[in-house]
């Protein structure tokens, strides 16, 4: 039973602090648009062009300049590429298919 001056829960102060931190984190997160074929993402080191998006995997090319022909196509999981784009603070340069 709560007696007025004491916290209702043992870790009420921690709980409130965690809630505020979570609210702060939710405000700062901007979801990435879904990955689609033909998208060109700009990073600090170059560009990433999406070639094929499947159910769980994505094929992409990393290049120094947009439209560069000599770039190897690589594949990875969609969530892995999205995490990489977030950490690199990538910006969507265009979203139209080639």
PDB file of N, CA and C in Angstrom:
ATOM      1  N   UNK A   1       0.842  -1.180   0.000  1.00  0.00           N
ATOM      2  CA  UNK A   1       0.000   0.000   0.000  1.00  0.00           C
ATOM      3  C   UNK A   1       0.883   1.237   0.000  1.00  0.00           C
ATOM      4  N   UNK A   2       0.496   2.213  -0.760  1.00  0.00           N
ATOM      5  CA  UNK A   2       1.267   3.445  -0.891  1.00  0.00           C
ATOM      6  C   UNK A   2       0.937   4.371   0.261  1.00  0.00           C
ATOM      7  N   UNK A   3       1.971   4.946   0.888  1.00  0.00           N
ATOM      8  CA  UNK A   3       1.764   5.772   2.086  1.00  0.00           C
ATOM      9  C   UNK A   3       2.055   7.241   1.838  1.00  0.00           C
ATOM     10  N   UNK A   4       1.836   7.722   0.675  1.00  0.00           N
ATOM     11  CA  UNK A   4       1.966   9.149   0.419  1.00  0.00           C
ATOM     12  C   UNK A   4       3.349   9.586   0.007  1.00  0.00           C
ATOM     13  N   UNK A   5       4.298   9.698   0.942  1.00  0.00           N
ATOM     14  CA  UNK A   5       5.617  10.239   0.663  1.00  0.00           C
ATOM     15  C   UNK A   5       6.558   9.265  -0.002  1.00  0.00           C
ATOM     16  N   UNK A   6       6.350   7.994   0.170  1.00  0.00           N
ATOM     17  CA  UNK A   6       7.247   7.001  -0.410  1.00  0.00           C
ATOM     18  C   UNK A   6       6.830   6.703  -1.851  1.00  0.00           C
ATOM     19  N   UNK A   7       7.782   6.324  -2.681  1.00  0.00           N
ATOM     20  CA  UNK A   7       7.414   5.961  -4.051  1.00  0.00           C
ATOM     21  C   UNK A   7       6.516   4.730  -4.050  1.00  0.00           C
ATOM     22  N   UNK A   8       5.599   4.689  -4.993  1.00  0.00           N
ATOM     23  CA  UNK A   8       4.666   3.573  -5.089  1.00  0.00           C
ATOM     24  C   UNK A   8       5.406   2.293  -5.467  1.00  0.00           C
ATOM     25  N   UNK A   9       6.366   2.446  -6.377  1.00  0.00           N
ATOM     26  CA  UNK A   9       7.164   1.308  -6.795  1.00  0.00           C
ATOM     27  C   UNK A   9       8.576   1.502  -6.297  1.00  0.00           C
ATOM     28  N   UNK A  10       9.278   0.411  -6.185  1.00  0.00           N
ATOM     29  CA  UNK A  10      10.633   0.459  -5.652  1.00  0.00           C
ATOM     30  C   UNK A  10      11.552   1.322  -6.516  1.00  0.00           C
ATOM     31  N   UNK A  11      11.414   1.199  -7.826  1.00  0.00           N
ATOM     32  CA  UNK A  11      12.270   1.941  -8.753  1.00  0.00           C
ATOM     33  C   UNK A  11      11.469   2.980  -9.528  1.00  0.00           C
ATOM     34  N   UNK A  12      10.583   3.667  -8.847  1.00  0.00           N
ATOM     35  CA  UNK A  12       9.728   4.633  -9.542  1.00  0.00           C
ATOM     36  C   UNK A  12      10.548   5.746 -10.179  1.00  0.00           C
ATOM     37  N   UNK A  13      11.570   6.212  -9.505  1.00  0.00           N
ATOM     38  CA  UNK A  13      12.406   7.268 -10.065  1.00  0.00           C
ATOM     39  C   UNK A  13      13.101   6.771 -11.328  1.00  0.00           C
ATOM     40  N   UNK A  14      13.669   5.560 -11.286  1.00  0.00           N
ATOM     41  CA  UNK A  14      14.311   4.993 -12.469  1.00  0.00           C
ATOM     42  C   UNK A  14      13.308   4.775 -13.587  1.00  0.00           C
ATOM     43  N   UNK A  15      12.122   4.309 -13.236  1.00  0.00           N
ATOM     44  CA  UNK A  15      11.096   4.054 -14.237  1.00  0.00           C
ATOM     45  C   UNK A  15      10.719   5.345 -14.968  1.00  0.00           C
ATOM     46  N   UNK A  16      10.520   6.409 -14.218  1.00  0.00           N
ATOM     47  CA  UNK A  16      10.164   7.693 -14.816  1.00  0.00           C
ATOM     48  C   UNK A  16      11.290   8.206 -15.708  1.00  0.00           C
ATOM     49  N   UNK A  17      12.515   8.079 -15.228  1.00  0.00           N
ATOM     50  CA  UNK A  17      13.665   8.507 -16.029  1.00  0.00           C
ATOM     51  C   UNK A  17      13.777   7.710 -17.322  1.00  0.00           C
ATOM     52  N   UNK A  18      13.555   6.400 -17.242  1.00  0.00           N
ATOM     53  CA  UNK A  18      13.617   5.567 -18.439  1.00  0.00           C
ATOM     54  C   UNK A  18      12.521   5.940 -19.430  1.00  0.00           C
ATOM     55  N   UNK A  19      11.332   6.237 -18.919  1.00  0.00           N
ATOM     56  CA  UNK A  19      10.229   6.648 -19.800  1.00  0.00           C
ATOM     57  C   UNK A  19      10.580   7.943 -20.540  1.00  0.00           C
ATOM     58  N   UNK A  20      11.173   8.893 -19.829  1.00  0.00           N
ATOM     59  CA  UNK A  20      11.549  10.159 -20.458  1.00  0.00           C
ATOM     60  C   UNK A  20      12.628   9.952 -21.513  1.00  0.00           C
ATOM     61  N   UNK A  21      13.581   9.088 -21.232  1.00  0.00           N
ATOM     62  CA  UNK A  21      14.639   8.795 -22.195  1.00  0.00           C
ATOM     63  C   UNK A  21      14.038   8.155 -23.436  1.00  0.00           C
ATOM     64  N   UNK A  22      13.109   7.209 -23.249  1.00  0.00           N
ATOM     65  CA  UNK A  22      12.482   6.545 -24.389  1.00  0.00           C
ATOM     66  C   UNK A  22      11.681   7.535 -25.224  1.00  0.00           C
ATOM     67  N   UNK A  23      10.977   8.462 -24.570  1.00  0.00           N
ATOM     68  CA  UNK A  23      10.228   9.471 -25.314  1.00  0.00           C
ATOM     69  C   UNK A  23      11.176  10.352 -26.116  1.00  0.00           C
ATOM     70  N   UNK A  24      12.297  10.720 -25.518  1.00  0.00           N
ATOM     71  CA  UNK A  24      13.291  11.542 -26.194  1.00  0.00           C
ATOM     72  C   UNK A  24      13.844  10.820 -27.417  1.00  0.00           C
ATOM     73  N   UNK A  25      14.122   9.526 -27.275  1.00  0.00           N
ATOM     74  CA  UNK A  25      14.659   8.739 -28.374  1.00  0.00           C
ATOM     75  C   UNK A  25      13.634   8.605 -29.494  1.00  0.00           C
ATOM     76  N   UNK A  26      12.365   8.449 -29.147  1.00  0.00           N
ATOM     77  CA  UNK A  26      11.337   8.306 -30.163  1.00  0.00           C
ATOM     78  C   UNK A  26      11.216   9.569 -31.000  1.00  0.00           C
ATOM     79  N   UNK A  27      11.377  10.732 -30.385  1.00  0.00           N
ATOM     80  CA  UNK A  27      11.273  11.988 -31.115  1.00  0.00           C
ATOM     81  C   UNK A  27      12.414  12.149 -32.106  1.00  0.00           C
ATOM     82  N   UNK A  28      13.614  11.696 -31.743  1.00  0.00           N
ATOM     83  CA  UNK A  28      14.779  11.937 -32.580  1.00  0.00           C
ATOM     84  C   UNK A  28      14.901  10.946 -33.731  1.00  0.00           C
ATOM     85  N   UNK A  29      14.203   9.825 -33.668  1.00  0.00           N
ATOM     86  CA  UNK A  29      14.310   8.825 -34.728  1.00  0.00           C
ATOM     87  C   UNK A  29      13.401   9.184 -35.891  1.00  0.00           C
ATOM     88  N   UNK A  30      13.972   9.211 -37.078  1.00  0.00           N
ATOM     89  CA  UNK A  30      13.188   9.376 -38.287  1.00  0.00           C
ATOM     90  C   UNK A  30      13.282   8.067 -39.052  1.00  0.00           C
ATOM     91  N   UNK A  31      12.165   7.450 -39.343  1.00  0.00           N
ATOM     92  CA  UNK A  31      12.238   6.170 -40.055  1.00  0.00           C
ATOM     93  C   UNK A  31      12.710   6.376 -41.495  1.00  0.00           C
ATOM     94  N   UNK A  32      13.512   5.447 -41.959  1.00  0.00           N
ATOM     95  CA  UNK A  32      13.959   5.494 -43.345  1.00  0.00           C
ATOM     96  C   UNK A  32      12.798   5.083 -44.243  1.00  0.00           C
ATOM     97  N   UNK A  33      12.708   5.653 -45.427  1.00  0.00           N
ATOM     98  CA  UNK A  33      11.688   5.169 -46.354  1.00  0.00           C
ATOM     99  C   UNK A  33      12.016   3.733 -46.746  1.00  0.00           C
ATOM    100  N   UNK A  34      11.016   2.959 -47.152  1.00  0.00           N
ATOM    101  CA  UNK A  34      11.303   1.569 -47.531  1.00  0.00           C
ATOM    102  C   UNK A  34      12.263   1.503 -48.714  1.00  0.00           C
ATOM    103  N   UNK A  35      13.126   0.504 -48.698  1.00  0.00           N
ATOM    104  CA  UNK A  35      14.092   0.349 -49.785  1.00  0.00           C
ATOM    105  C   UNK A  35      13.365  -0.124 -51.038  1.00  0.00           C
ATOM    106  N   UNK A  36      13.657   0.536 -52.162  1.00  0.00           N
ATOM    107  CA  UNK A  36      13.043   0.186 -53.440  1.00  0.00           C
ATOM    108  C   UNK A  36      14.111   0.155 -54.524  1.00  0.00           C
ATOM    109  N   UNK A  37      13.837  -0.611 -55.556  1.00  0.00           N
ATOM    110  CA  UNK A  37      14.761  -0.730 -56.683  1.00  0.00           C
ATOM    111  C   UNK A  37      14.976   0.646 -57.322  1.00  0.00           C
ATOM    112  N   UNK A  38      16.243   0.988 -57.568  1.00  0.00           N
ATOM    113  CA  UNK A  38      16.571   2.236 -58.238  1.00  0.00           C
ATOM    114  C   UNK A  38      16.916   3.392 -57.314  1.00  0.00           C
ATOM    115  N   UNK A  39      16.717   3.232 -56.014  1.00  0.00           N
ATOM    116  CA  UNK A  39      17.044   4.323 -55.088  1.00  0.00           C
ATOM    117  C   UNK A  39      18.544   4.561 -55.062  1.00  0.00           C
ATOM    118  N   UNK A  40      18.921   5.823 -54.900  1.00  0.00           N
ATOM    119  CA  UNK A  40      20.319   6.207 -54.793  1.00  0.00           C
ATOM    120  C   UNK A  40      20.498   6.940 -53.464  1.00  0.00           C
ATOM    121  N   UNK A  41      21.335   6.385 -52.592  1.00  0.00           N
ATOM    122  CA  UNK A  41      21.578   6.951 -51.261  1.00  0.00           C
ATOM    123  C   UNK A  41      22.956   7.597 -51.244  1.00  0.00           C
ATOM    124  N   UNK A  42      23.054   8.805 -50.718  1.00  0.00           N
ATOM    125  CA  UNK A  42      24.332   9.531 -50.602  1.00  0.00           C
ATOM    126  C   UNK A  42      24.847   9.381 -49.185  1.00  0.00           C
ATOM    127  N   UNK A  43      26.088   8.908 -49.051  1.00  0.00           N
ATOM    128  CA  UNK A  43      26.769   8.825 -47.758  1.00  0.00           C
ATOM    129  C   UNK A  43      28.001   9.718 -47.799  1.00  0.00           C
ATOM    130  N   UNK A  44      28.719   9.779 -46.693  1.00  0.00           N
ATOM    131  CA  UNK A  44      29.947  10.576 -46.655  1.00  0.00           C
ATOM    132  C   UNK A  44      31.032  10.002 -47.573  1.00  0.00           C
ATOM    133  N   UNK A  45      31.041   8.682 -47.721  1.00  0.00           N
ATOM    134  CA  UNK A  45      32.099   8.034 -48.494  1.00  0.00           C
ATOM    135  C   UNK A  45      31.740   7.814 -49.958  1.00  0.00           C
ATOM    136  N   UNK A  46      30.479   7.948 -50.330  1.00  0.00           N
ATOM    137  CA  UNK A  46      30.083   7.721 -51.717  1.00  0.00           C
ATOM    138  C   UNK A  46      28.584   7.540 -51.844  1.00  0.00           C
ATOM    139  N   UNK A  47      28.194   6.637 -52.746  1.00  0.00           N
ATOM    140  CA  UNK A  47      26.789   6.399 -53.039  1.00  0.00           C
ATOM    141  C   UNK A  47      26.471   4.911 -52.938  1.00  0.00           C
ATOM    142  N   UNK A  48      25.231   4.609 -52.612  1.00  0.00           N
ATOM    143  CA  UNK A  48      24.729   3.241 -52.617  1.00  0.00           C
ATOM    144  C   UNK A  48      23.487   3.231 -53.487  1.00  0.00           C
ATOM    145  N   UNK A  49      23.501   2.354 -54.500  1.00  0.00           N
ATOM    146  CA  UNK A  49      22.338   2.235 -55.372  1.00  0.00           C
ATOM    147  C   UNK A  49      21.690   0.874 -55.144  1.00  0.00           C
ATOM    148  N   UNK A  50      20.378   0.886 -54.931  1.00  0.00           N
ATOM    149  CA  UNK A  50      19.618  -0.340 -54.682  1.00  0.00           C
ATOM    150  C   UNK A  50      19.279  -0.974 -56.028  1.00  0.00           C
ATOM    151  N   UNK A  51      19.626  -2.264 -56.193  1.00  0.00           N
ATOM    152  CA  UNK A  51      19.377  -2.962 -57.450  1.00  0.00           C
ATOM    153  C   UNK A  51      18.178  -3.882 -57.378  1.00  0.00           C
ATOM    154  N   UNK A  52      18.035  -4.614 -56.300  1.00  0.00           N
ATOM    155  CA  UNK A  52      16.937  -5.579 -56.195  1.00  0.00           C
ATOM    156  C   UNK A  52      16.578  -5.748 -54.721  1.00  0.00           C
ATOM    157  N   UNK A  53      15.293  -5.715 -54.407  1.00  0.00           N
ATOM    158  CA  UNK A  53      14.836  -5.890 -53.034  1.00  0.00           C
ATOM    159  C   UNK A  53      13.929  -7.102 -52.989  1.00  0.00           C
ATOM    160  N   UNK A  54      14.288  -8.044 -52.135  1.00  0.00           N
ATOM    161  CA  UNK A  54      13.477  -9.242 -51.952  1.00  0.00           C
ATOM    162  C   UNK A  54      12.738  -9.189 -50.633  1.00  0.00           C
ATOM    163  N   UNK A  55      12.318 -10.353 -50.178  1.00  0.00           N
ATOM    164  CA  UNK A  55      11.580 -10.432 -48.921  1.00  0.00           C
ATOM    165  C   UNK A  55      12.483 -10.110 -47.734  1.00  0.00           C
ATOM    166  N   UNK A  56      13.706 -10.667 -47.746  1.00  0.00           N
ATOM    167  CA  UNK A  56      14.641 -10.437 -46.633  1.00  0.00           C
ATOM    168  C   UNK A  56      15.995  -9.892 -47.072  1.00  0.00           C
ATOM    169  N   UNK A  57      16.303 -10.009 -48.354  1.00  0.00           N
ATOM    170  CA  UNK A  57      17.629  -9.618 -48.850  1.00  0.00           C
ATOM    171  C   UNK A  57      17.525  -8.467 -49.839  1.00  0.00           C
ATOM    172  N   UNK A  58      18.649  -7.761 -49.978  1.00  0.00           N
ATOM    173  CA  UNK A  58      18.719  -6.637 -50.914  1.00  0.00           C
ATOM    174  C   UNK A  58      20.066  -6.695 -51.636  1.00  0.00           C
ATOM    175  N   UNK A  59      20.046  -6.429 -52.949  1.00  0.00           N
ATOM    176  CA  UNK A  59      21.268  -6.306 -53.741  1.00  0.00           C
ATOM    177  C   UNK A  59      21.523  -4.825 -53.976  1.00  0.00           C
ATOM    178  N   UNK A  60      22.768  -4.405 -53.832  1.00  0.00           N
ATOM    179  CA  UNK A  60      23.114  -2.989 -53.953  1.00  0.00           C
ATOM    180  C   UNK A  60      24.512  -2.849 -54.527  1.00  0.00           C
ATOM    181  N   UNK A  61      24.814  -1.637 -54.990  1.00  0.00           N
ATOM    182  CA  UNK A  61      26.157  -1.305 -55.476  1.00  0.00           C
ATOM    183  C   UNK A  61      26.660  -0.104 -54.699  1.00  0.00           C
ATOM    184  N   UNK A  62      27.904  -0.182 -54.251  1.00  0.00           N
ATOM    185  CA  UNK A  62      28.567   0.958 -53.602  1.00  0.00           C
ATOM    186  C   UNK A  62      29.512   1.569 -54.632  1.00  0.00           C
ATOM    187  N   UNK A  63      29.406   2.890 -54.788  1.00  0.00           N
ATOM    188  CA  UNK A  63      30.235   3.561 -55.788  1.00  0.00           C
ATOM    189  C   UNK A  63      30.661   4.935 -55.287  1.00  0.00           C
ATOM    190  N   UNK A  64      31.727   5.449 -55.874  1.00  0.00           N
ATOM    191  CA  UNK A  64      32.243   6.774 -55.510  1.00  0.00           C
ATOM    192  C   UNK A  64      31.426   7.893 -56.147  1.00  0.00           C
ATOM    193  N   UNK A  65      30.982   7.663 -57.390  1.00  0.00           N
ATOM    194  CA  UNK A  65      30.191   8.659 -58.122  1.00  0.00           C
ATOM    195  C   UNK A  65      28.883   8.019 -58.565  1.00  0.00           C
ATOM    196  N   UNK A  66      27.801   8.787 -58.645  1.00  0.00           N
ATOM    197  CA  UNK A  66      26.553   8.201 -59.144  1.00  0.00           C
ATOM    198  C   UNK A  66      26.674   7.831 -60.618  1.00  0.00           C
ATOM    199  N   UNK A  67      26.126   6.692 -60.987  1.00  0.00           N
ATOM    200  CA  UNK A  67      26.179   6.244 -62.372  1.00  0.00           C
ATOM    201  C   UNK A  67      27.464   5.545 -62.755  1.00  0.00           C
ATOM    202  N   UNK A  68      28.335   5.306 -61.808  1.00  0.00           N
ATOM    203  CA  UNK A  68      29.610   4.638 -62.078  1.00  0.00           C
ATOM    204  C   UNK A  68      29.331   3.211 -62.551  1.00  0.00           C
ATOM    205  N   UNK A  69      29.951   2.805 -63.655  1.00  0.00           N
ATOM    206  CA  UNK A  69      29.672   1.496 -64.251  1.00  0.00           C
ATOM    207  C   UNK A  69      30.421   0.361 -63.562  1.00  0.00           C
ATOM    208  N   UNK A  70      31.675   0.580 -63.208  1.00  0.00           N
ATOM    209  CA  UNK A  70      32.502  -0.484 -62.647  1.00  0.00           C
ATOM    210  C   UNK A  70      32.314  -0.575 -61.132  1.00  0.00           C
ATOM    211  N   UNK A  71      31.186  -1.153 -60.737  1.00  0.00           N
ATOM    212  CA  UNK A  71      30.923  -1.354 -59.312  1.00  0.00           C
ATOM    213  C   UNK A  71      30.341  -2.749 -59.134  1.00  0.00           C
ATOM    214  N   UNK A  72      30.844  -3.457 -58.152  1.00  0.00           N
ATOM    215  CA  UNK A  72      30.409  -4.826 -57.908  1.00  0.00           C
ATOM    216  C   UNK A  72      29.077  -4.827 -57.158  1.00  0.00           C
ATOM    217  N   UNK A  73      28.157  -5.679 -57.591  1.00  0.00           N
ATOM    218  CA  UNK A  73      26.882  -5.828 -56.899  1.00  0.00           C
ATOM    219  C   UNK A  73      27.098  -6.715 -55.681  1.00  0.00           C
ATOM    220  N   UNK A  74      26.602  -6.255 -54.537  1.00  0.00           N
ATOM    221  CA  UNK A  74      26.730  -6.995 -53.286  1.00  0.00           C
ATOM    222  C   UNK A  74      25.344  -7.263 -52.727  1.00  0.00           C
ATOM    223  N   UNK A  75      25.247  -8.244 -51.857  1.00  0.00           N
ATOM    224  CA  UNK A  75      23.968  -8.570 -51.244  1.00  0.00           C
ATOM    225  C   UNK A  75      24.090  -8.654 -49.736  1.00  0.00           C
ATOM    226  N   UNK A  76      23.020  -8.285 -49.047  1.00  0.00           N
ATOM    227  CA  UNK A  76      22.992  -8.370 -47.592  1.00  0.00           C
ATOM    228  C   UNK A  76      21.530  -8.387 -47.137  1.00  0.00           C
ATOM    229  N   UNK A  77      21.340  -8.523 -45.841  1.00  0.00           N
ATOM    230  CA  UNK A  77      19.990  -8.480 -45.287  1.00  0.00           C
ATOM    231  C   UNK A  77      19.480  -7.037 -45.298  1.00  0.00           C
ATOM    232  N   UNK A  78      18.171  -6.889 -45.440  1.00  0.00           N
ATOM    233  CA  UNK A  78      17.565  -5.557 -45.504  1.00  0.00           C
ATOM    234  C   UNK A  78      17.815  -4.786 -44.219  1.00  0.00           C
ATOM    235  N   UNK A  79      17.626  -5.435 -43.056  1.00  0.00           N
ATOM    236  CA  UNK A  79      17.818  -4.726 -41.791  1.00  0.00           C
ATOM    237  C   UNK A  79      19.267  -4.311 -41.587  1.00  0.00           C
ATOM    238  N   UNK A  80      20.209  -5.093 -42.093  1.00  0.00           N
ATOM    239  CA  UNK A  80      21.627  -4.732 -41.984  1.00  0.00           C
ATOM    240  C   UNK A  80      21.933  -3.484 -42.811  1.00  0.00           C
ATOM    241  N   UNK A  81      21.404  -3.422 -44.027  1.00  0.00           N
ATOM    242  CA  UNK A  81      21.639  -2.249 -44.871  1.00  0.00           C
ATOM    243  C   UNK A  81      20.962  -1.008 -44.291  1.00  0.00           C
ATOM    244  N   UNK A  82      19.765  -1.166 -43.751  1.00  0.00           N
ATOM    245  CA  UNK A  82      19.082  -0.024 -43.140  1.00  0.00           C
ATOM    246  C   UNK A  82      19.867   0.501 -41.941  1.00  0.00           C
ATOM    247  N   UNK A  83      20.414  -0.403 -41.150  1.00  0.00           N
ATOM    248  CA  UNK A  83      21.212   0.010 -39.996  1.00  0.00           C
ATOM    249  C   UNK A  83      22.465   0.753 -40.463  1.00  0.00           C
ATOM    250  N   UNK A  84      23.094   0.270 -41.542  1.00  0.00           N
ATOM    251  CA  UNK A  84      24.274   0.935 -42.096  1.00  0.00           C
ATOM    252  C   UNK A  84      23.915   2.336 -42.601  1.00  0.00           C
ATOM    253  N   UNK A  85      22.791   2.451 -43.299  1.00  0.00           N
ATOM    254  CA  UNK A  85      22.368   3.757 -43.811  1.00  0.00           C
ATOM    255  C   UNK A  85      22.108   4.731 -42.670  1.00  0.00           C
ATOM    256  N   UNK A  86      21.547   4.243 -41.569  1.00  0.00           N
ATOM    257  CA  UNK A  86      21.294   5.117 -40.421  1.00  0.00           C
ATOM    258  C   UNK A  86      22.592   5.572 -39.773  1.00  0.00           C
ATOM    259  N   UNK A  87      23.536   4.645 -39.585  1.00  0.00           N
ATOM    260  CA  UNK A  87      24.793   5.018 -38.936  1.00  0.00           C
ATOM    261  C   UNK A  87      25.615   5.958 -39.806  1.00  0.00           C
ATOM    262  N   UNK A  88      25.508   5.809 -41.125  1.00  0.00           N
ATOM    263  CA  UNK A  88      26.236   6.689 -42.039  1.00  0.00           C
ATOM    264  C   UNK A  88      25.488   7.989 -42.307  1.00  0.00           C
ATOM    265  N   UNK A  89      24.287   8.126 -41.748  1.00  0.00           N
ATOM    266  CA  UNK A  89      23.431   9.306 -41.955  1.00  0.00           C
ATOM    267  C   UNK A  89      23.231   9.557 -43.440  1.00  0.00           C
ATOM    268  N   UNK A  90      22.876   8.482 -44.142  1.00  0.00           N
ATOM    269  CA  UNK A  90      22.673   8.558 -45.581  1.00  0.00           C
ATOM    270  C   UNK A  90      21.413   9.341 -45.908  1.00  0.00           C
ATOM    271  N   UNK A  91      21.474  10.029 -47.043  1.00  0.00           N
ATOM    272  CA  UNK A  91      20.341  10.833 -47.526  1.00  0.00           C
ATOM    273  C   UNK A  91      19.908  10.264 -48.873  1.00  0.00           C
ATOM    274  N   UNK A  92      18.624  10.157 -49.065  1.00  0.00           N
ATOM    275  CA  UNK A  92      18.098   9.651 -50.322  1.00  0.00           C
ATOM    276  C   UNK A  92      18.304  10.705 -51.412  1.00  0.00           C
ATOM    277  N   UNK A  93      19.161  10.394 -52.395  1.00  0.00           N
ATOM    278  CA  UNK A  93      19.470  11.343 -53.463  1.00  0.00           C
ATOM    279  C   UNK A  93      18.359  11.370 -54.503  1.00  0.00           C
ATOM    280  N   UNK A  94      17.872  10.202 -54.894  1.00  0.00           N
ATOM    281  CA  UNK A  94      16.717  10.110 -55.789  1.00  0.00           C
ATOM    282  C   UNK A  94      15.995   8.799 -55.525  1.00  0.00           C
ATOM    283  N   UNK A  95      14.738   8.743 -55.871  1.00  0.00           N
ATOM    284  CA  UNK A  95      13.975   7.521 -55.626  1.00  0.00           C
ATOM    285  C   UNK A  95      13.372   6.950 -56.897  1.00  0.00           C
ATOM    286  N   UNK A  96      13.757   7.485 -58.042  1.00  0.00           N
ATOM    287  CA  UNK A  96      13.203   6.983 -59.301  1.00  0.00           C
ATOM    288  C   UNK A  96      14.033   5.831 -59.837  1.00  0.00           C
ATOM    289  N   UNK A  97      13.385   4.828 -60.401  1.00  0.00           N
ATOM    290  CA  UNK A  97      14.142   3.700 -60.976  1.00  0.00           C
ATOM    291  C   UNK A  97      14.969   4.153 -62.173  1.00  0.00           C
ATOM    292  N   UNK A  98      16.105   3.486 -62.430  1.00  0.00           N
ATOM    293  CA  UNK A  98      16.983   3.879 -63.547  1.00  0.00           C
ATOM    294  C   UNK A  98      16.342   3.639 -64.892  1.00  0.00           C
TER     295      UNK A  98
END
